[in-house]
Amino acid sequence: MPKQKSKGAVKKRFRISKNGKAVCSHPDRGHGHAPFSGETGRRLRRRMVLNKTWSELVRNMIGK
């Protein structure tokens, strides 16, 4: 049976942490940030850690 191809789009957007969780940047980081409060802007700067279920899906798509 052939191997599953890894998804290039997922490789670009996610990385796997040491503990096996998927980490990515927050959405809404493009343009038009004037209405955001300072607290929201700072929060969006941090990385987003996905839960166990999503992390497993991302790991399978990356091929790890």
PDB file of N, CA and C in Angstrom:
ATOM      1  N   MET A   1       0.842  -1.183   0.000  1.00  0.00           N
ATOM      2  CA  MET A   1       0.000   0.000   0.000  1.00  0.00           C
ATOM      3  C   MET A   1       0.888   1.248   0.000  1.00  0.00           C
ATOM      4  N   PRO A   2       0.584   2.232  -0.866  1.00  0.00           N
ATOM      5  CA  PRO A   2       1.441   3.418  -0.932  1.00  0.00           C
ATOM      6  C   PRO A   2       1.308   4.299   0.299  1.00  0.00           C
ATOM      7  N   LYS A   3       2.351   5.078   0.548  1.00  0.00           N
ATOM      8  CA  LYS A   3       2.328   6.005   1.681  1.00  0.00           C
ATOM      9  C   LYS A   3       1.414   7.176   1.372  1.00  0.00           C
ATOM     10  N   GLN A   4       0.909   7.792   2.429  1.00  0.00           N
ATOM     11  CA  GLN A   4       0.080   8.969   2.266  1.00  0.00           C
ATOM     12  C   GLN A   4       0.970  10.172   1.990  1.00  0.00           C
ATOM     13  N   LYS A   5       0.583  10.976   1.013  1.00  0.00           N
ATOM     14  CA  LYS A   5       1.371  12.168   0.718  1.00  0.00           C
ATOM     15  C   LYS A   5       1.171  13.205   1.808  1.00  0.00           C
ATOM     16  N   SER A   6       2.246  13.880   2.194  1.00  0.00           N
ATOM     17  CA  SER A   6       2.130  14.939   3.192  1.00  0.00           C
ATOM     18  C   SER A   6       1.594  16.202   2.517  1.00  0.00           C
ATOM     19  N   LYS A   7       0.871  16.981   3.273  1.00  0.00           N
ATOM     20  CA  LYS A   7       0.221  18.179   2.735  1.00  0.00           C
ATOM     21  C   LYS A   7       1.145  19.383   2.882  1.00  0.00           C
ATOM     22  N   GLY A   8       1.552  19.969   1.773  1.00  0.00           N
ATOM     23  CA  GLY A   8       2.472  21.111   1.793  1.00  0.00           C
ATOM     24  C   GLY A   8       1.887  22.335   2.463  1.00  0.00           C
ATOM     25  N   ALA A   9       0.577  22.555   2.284  1.00  0.00           N
ATOM     26  CA  ALA A   9      -0.066  23.723   2.883  1.00  0.00           C
ATOM     27  C   ALA A   9      -0.042  23.626   4.406  1.00  0.00           C
ATOM     28  N   VAL A  10      -0.190  22.423   4.934  1.00  0.00           N
ATOM     29  CA  VAL A  10      -0.168  22.218   6.376  1.00  0.00           C
ATOM     30  C   VAL A  10       1.250  22.392   6.897  1.00  0.00           C
ATOM     31  N   LYS A  11       2.230  21.925   6.148  1.00  0.00           N
ATOM     32  CA  LYS A  11       3.636  22.076   6.559  1.00  0.00           C
ATOM     33  C   LYS A  11       4.001  23.552   6.718  1.00  0.00           C
ATOM     34  N   LYS A  12       3.456  24.389   5.828  1.00  0.00           N
ATOM     35  CA  LYS A  12       3.771  25.819   5.867  1.00  0.00           C
ATOM     36  C   LYS A  12       3.153  26.515   7.080  1.00  0.00           C
ATOM     37  N   ARG A  13       1.964  26.067   7.486  1.00  0.00           N
ATOM     38  CA  ARG A  13       1.192  26.808   8.472  1.00  0.00           C
ATOM     39  C   ARG A  13       1.303  26.302   9.905  1.00  0.00           C
ATOM     40  N   PHE A  14       1.751  25.061  10.070  1.00  0.00           N
ATOM     41  CA  PHE A  14       1.815  24.465  11.404  1.00  0.00           C
ATOM     42  C   PHE A  14       3.195  23.911  11.670  1.00  0.00           C
ATOM     43  N   ARG A  15       3.543  23.814  12.962  1.00  0.00           N
ATOM     44  CA  ARG A  15       4.723  23.059  13.359  1.00  0.00           C
ATOM     45  C   ARG A  15       4.349  22.264  14.591  1.00  0.00           C
ATOM     46  N   ILE A  16       5.110  21.199  14.854  1.00  0.00           N
ATOM     47  CA  ILE A  16       4.827  20.328  15.980  1.00  0.00           C
ATOM     48  C   ILE A  16       5.778  20.674  17.119  1.00  0.00           C
ATOM     49  N   SER A  17       5.224  20.892  18.317  1.00  0.00           N
ATOM     50  CA  SER A  17       6.051  21.230  19.475  1.00  0.00           C
ATOM     51  C   SER A  17       6.733  19.968  20.003  1.00  0.00           C
ATOM     52  N   LYS A  18       7.593  20.142  21.003  1.00  0.00           N
ATOM     53  CA  LYS A  18       8.299  18.993  21.587  1.00  0.00           C
ATOM     54  C   LYS A  18       7.335  18.000  22.213  1.00  0.00           C
ATOM     55  N   ASN A  19       6.231  18.510  22.742  1.00  0.00           N
ATOM     56  CA  ASN A  19       5.245  17.634  23.392  1.00  0.00           C
ATOM     57  C   ASN A  19       4.263  17.016  22.412  1.00  0.00           C
ATOM     58  N   GLY A  20       4.424  17.308  21.114  1.00  0.00           N
ATOM     59  CA  GLY A  20       3.562  16.703  20.101  1.00  0.00           C
ATOM     60  C   GLY A  20       2.307  17.492  19.786  1.00  0.00           C
ATOM     61  N   LYS A  21       2.203  18.720  20.286  1.00  0.00           N
ATOM     62  CA  LYS A  21       1.041  19.541  19.983  1.00  0.00           C
ATOM     63  C   LYS A  21       1.322  20.388  18.745  1.00  0.00           C
ATOM     64  N   ALA A  22       0.282  20.664  17.979  1.00  0.00           N
ATOM     65  CA  ALA A  22       0.420  21.503  16.794  1.00  0.00           C
ATOM     66  C   ALA A  22       0.353  22.971  17.210  1.00  0.00           C
ATOM     67  N   VAL A  23       1.246  23.787  16.647  1.00  0.00           N
ATOM     68  CA  VAL A  23       1.334  25.208  16.983  1.00  0.00           C
ATOM     69  C   VAL A  23       1.226  25.994  15.682  1.00  0.00           C
ATOM     70  N   CYS A  24       0.427  27.083  15.707  1.00  0.00           N
ATOM     71  CA  CYS A  24       0.293  27.918  14.516  1.00  0.00           C
ATOM     72  C   CYS A  24       0.037  29.356  14.954  1.00  0.00           C
ATOM     73  N   SER A  25       0.023  30.269  14.008  1.00  0.00           N
ATOM     74  CA  SER A  25      -0.273  31.657  14.345  1.00  0.00           C
ATOM     75  C   SER A  25      -1.780  31.874  14.300  1.00  0.00           C
ATOM     76  N   HIS A  26      -2.236  32.907  14.982  1.00  0.00           N
ATOM     77  CA  HIS A  26      -3.660  33.202  15.061  1.00  0.00           C
ATOM     78  C   HIS A  26      -4.183  33.695  13.717  1.00  0.00           C
ATOM     79  N   PRO A  27      -5.466  33.455  13.431  1.00  0.00           N
ATOM     80  CA  PRO A  27      -6.085  34.094  12.269  1.00  0.00           C
ATOM     81  C   PRO A  27      -6.304  35.584  12.537  1.00  0.00           C
ATOM     82  N   ASP A  28      -6.763  36.326  11.560  1.00  0.00           N
ATOM     83  CA  ASP A  28      -7.019  37.772  11.652  1.00  0.00           C
ATOM     84  C   ASP A  28      -5.735  38.568  11.838  1.00  0.00           C
ATOM     85  N   ARG A  29      -4.652  38.166  11.191  1.00  0.00           N
ATOM     86  CA  ARG A  29      -3.390  38.872  11.353  1.00  0.00           C
ATOM     87  C   ARG A  29      -2.986  39.601  10.068  1.00  0.00           C
ATOM     88  N   GLY A  30      -3.923  39.803   9.159  1.00  0.00           N
ATOM     89  CA  GLY A  30      -3.594  40.438   7.896  1.00  0.00           C
ATOM     90  C   GLY A  30      -3.498  41.945   8.005  1.00  0.00           C
ATOM     91  N   HIS A  31      -4.584  42.632   7.704  1.00  0.00           N
ATOM     92  CA  HIS A  31      -4.590  44.097   7.754  1.00  0.00           C
ATOM     93  C   HIS A  31      -5.894  44.553   8.379  1.00  0.00           C
ATOM     94  N   GLY A  32      -5.994  45.848   8.663  1.00  0.00           N
ATOM     95  CA  GLY A  32      -7.205  46.389   9.275  1.00  0.00           C
ATOM     96  C   GLY A  32      -7.255  46.148  10.770  1.00  0.00           C
ATOM     97  N   HIS A  33      -6.156  46.451  11.479  1.00  0.00           N
ATOM     98  CA  HIS A  33      -6.101  46.206  12.913  1.00  0.00           C
ATOM     99  C   HIS A  33      -6.469  47.428  13.752  1.00  0.00           C
ATOM    100  N   ALA A  34      -6.888  48.522  13.127  1.00  0.00           N
ATOM    101  CA  ALA A  34      -7.200  49.736  13.880  1.00  0.00           C
ATOM    102  C   ALA A  34      -8.317  49.524  14.902  1.00  0.00           C
ATOM    103  N   PRO A  35      -9.384  48.775  14.586  1.00  0.00           N
ATOM    104  CA  PRO A  35     -10.444  48.600  15.585  1.00  0.00           C
ATOM    105  C   PRO A  35     -10.050  47.722  16.774  1.00  0.00           C
ATOM    106  N   PHE A  36      -8.968  46.961  16.656  1.00  0.00           N
ATOM    107  CA  PHE A  36      -8.556  46.069  17.745  1.00  0.00           C
ATOM    108  C   PHE A  36      -8.008  46.890  18.909  1.00  0.00           C
ATOM    109  N   SER A  37      -8.281  46.434  20.122  1.00  0.00           N
ATOM    110  CA  SER A  37      -7.659  47.065  21.284  1.00  0.00           C
ATOM    111  C   SER A  37      -6.208  46.595  21.355  1.00  0.00           C
ATOM    112  N   GLY A  38      -5.412  47.286  22.155  1.00  0.00           N
ATOM    113  CA  GLY A  38      -4.014  46.899  22.306  1.00  0.00           C
ATOM    114  C   GLY A  38      -3.870  45.492  22.850  1.00  0.00           C
ATOM    115  N   GLU A  39      -4.756  45.143  23.790  1.00  0.00           N
ATOM    116  CA  GLU A  39      -4.708  43.801  24.394  1.00  0.00           C
ATOM    117  C   GLU A  39      -4.956  42.714  23.348  1.00  0.00           C
ATOM    118  N   THR A  40      -5.933  42.948  22.461  1.00  0.00           N
ATOM    119  CA  THR A  40      -6.241  41.985  21.411  1.00  0.00           C
ATOM    120  C   THR A  40      -5.068  41.833  20.461  1.00  0.00           C
ATOM    121  N   GLY A  41      -4.464  42.944  20.066  1.00  0.00           N
ATOM    122  CA  GLY A  41      -3.319  42.890  19.155  1.00  0.00           C
ATOM    123  C   GLY A  41      -2.157  42.117  19.742  1.00  0.00           C
ATOM    124  N   ARG A  42      -1.910  42.323  21.028  1.00  0.00           N
ATOM    125  CA  ARG A  42      -0.830  41.586  21.685  1.00  0.00           C
ATOM    126  C   ARG A  42      -1.153  40.102  21.787  1.00  0.00           C
ATOM    127  N   ARG A  43      -2.404  39.803  22.036  1.00  0.00           N
ATOM    128  CA  ARG A  43      -2.808  38.389  22.150  1.00  0.00           C
ATOM    129  C   ARG A  43      -2.669  37.666  20.804  1.00  0.00           C
ATOM    130  N   LEU A  44      -2.984  38.361  19.713  1.00  0.00           N
ATOM    131  CA  LEU A  44      -2.885  37.756  18.384  1.00  0.00           C
ATOM    132  C   LEU A  44      -1.434  37.511  17.968  1.00  0.00           C
ATOM    133  N   ARG A  45      -0.502  38.230  18.599  1.00  0.00           N
ATOM    134  CA  ARG A  45       0.916  38.050  18.285  1.00  0.00           C
ATOM    135  C   ARG A  45       1.441  36.692  18.749  1.00  0.00           C
ATOM    136  N   ARG A  46       0.845  36.177  19.817  1.00  0.00           N
ATOM    137  CA  ARG A  46       1.304  34.899  20.376  1.00  0.00           C
ATOM    138  C   ARG A  46       0.867  33.737  19.497  1.00  0.00           C
ATOM    139  N   ARG A  47       1.525  32.609  19.686  1.00  0.00           N
ATOM    140  CA  ARG A  47       1.183  31.409  18.930  1.00  0.00           C
ATOM    141  C   ARG A  47      -0.058  30.745  19.518  1.00  0.00           C
ATOM    142  N   MET A  48      -0.764  30.023  18.674  1.00  0.00           N
ATOM    143  CA  MET A  48      -1.954  29.308  19.090  1.00  0.00           C
ATOM    144  C   MET A  48      -1.599  27.823  19.194  1.00  0.00           C
ATOM    145  N   VAL A  49      -1.899  27.208  20.318  1.00  0.00           N
ATOM    146  CA  VAL A  49      -1.631  25.786  20.514  1.00  0.00           C
ATOM    147  C   VAL A  49      -2.946  25.037  20.338  1.00  0.00           C
ATOM    148  N   LEU A  50      -2.965  24.076  19.418  1.00  0.00           N
ATOM    149  CA  LEU A  50      -4.182  23.327  19.145  1.00  0.00           C
ATOM    150  C   LEU A  50      -4.368  22.202  20.157  1.00  0.00           C
ATOM    151  N   ASN A  51      -5.610  21.797  20.354  1.00  0.00           N
ATOM    152  CA  ASN A  51      -5.886  20.737  21.315  1.00  0.00           C
ATOM    153  C   ASN A  51      -5.466  19.375  20.759  1.00  0.00           C
ATOM    154  N   LYS A  52      -5.652  18.326  21.551  1.00  0.00           N
ATOM    155  CA  LYS A  52      -5.147  16.993  21.213  1.00  0.00           C
ATOM    156  C   LYS A  52      -5.739  16.466  19.905  1.00  0.00           C
ATOM    157  N   THR A  53      -7.037  16.623  19.725  1.00  0.00           N
ATOM    158  CA  THR A  53      -7.707  16.094  18.539  1.00  0.00           C
ATOM    159  C   THR A  53      -7.176  16.732  17.264  1.00  0.00           C
ATOM    160  N   TRP A  54      -7.101  18.068  17.250  1.00  0.00           N
ATOM    161  CA  TRP A  54      -6.621  18.766  16.059  1.00  0.00           C
ATOM    162  C   TRP A  54      -5.133  18.503  15.842  1.00  0.00           C
ATOM    163  N   SER A  55      -4.386  18.383  16.934  1.00  0.00           N
ATOM    164  CA  SER A  55      -2.957  18.127  16.817  1.00  0.00           C
ATOM    165  C   SER A  55      -2.695  16.788  16.139  1.00  0.00           C
ATOM    166  N   GLU A  56      -3.502  15.780  16.465  1.00  0.00           N
ATOM    167  CA  GLU A  56      -3.344  14.471  15.829  1.00  0.00           C
ATOM    168  C   GLU A  56      -3.628  14.554  14.336  1.00  0.00           C
ATOM    169  N   LEU A  57      -4.670  15.294  13.962  1.00  0.00           N
ATOM    170  CA  LEU A  57      -5.007  15.448  12.543  1.00  0.00           C
ATOM    171  C   LEU A  57      -3.878  16.146  11.779  1.00  0.00           C
ATOM    172  N   VAL A  58      -3.357  17.206  12.374  1.00  0.00           N
ATOM    173  CA  VAL A  58      -2.279  17.969  11.727  1.00  0.00           C
ATOM    174  C   VAL A  58      -1.029  17.111  11.598  1.00  0.00           C
ATOM    175  N   ARG A  59      -0.718  16.351  12.656  1.00  0.00           N
ATOM    176  CA  ARG A  59       0.455  15.474  12.617  1.00  0.00           C
ATOM    177  C   ARG A  59       0.350  14.450  11.495  1.00  0.00           C
ATOM    178  N   ASN A  60      -0.845  13.884  11.311  1.00  0.00           N
ATOM    179  CA  ASN A  60      -1.048  12.916  10.228  1.00  0.00           C
ATOM    180  C   ASN A  60      -0.867  13.570   8.861  1.00  0.00           C
ATOM    181  N   MET A  61      -1.355  14.807   8.717  1.00  0.00           N
ATOM    182  CA  MET A  61      -1.232  15.500   7.433  1.00  0.00           C
ATOM    183  C   MET A  61       0.213  15.880   7.126  1.00  0.00           C
ATOM    184  N   ILE A  62       0.975  16.228   8.173  1.00  0.00           N
ATOM    185  CA  ILE A  62       2.379  16.574   7.973  1.00  0.00           C
ATOM    186  C   ILE A  62       3.192  15.316   7.681  1.00  0.00           C
ATOM    187  N   GLY A  63       2.770  14.205   8.245  1.00  0.00           N
ATOM    188  CA  GLY A  63       3.477  12.947   8.008  1.00  0.00           C
ATOM    189  C   GLY A  63       4.436  12.587   9.124  1.00  0.00           C
ATOM    190  N   LYS A  64       4.164  13.033  10.348  1.00  0.00           N
ATOM    191  CA  LYS A  64       5.027  12.705  11.500  1.00  0.00           C
ATOM    192  C   LYS A  64       4.288  11.799  12.447  1.00  0.00           C
TER     193      LYS A  64
END
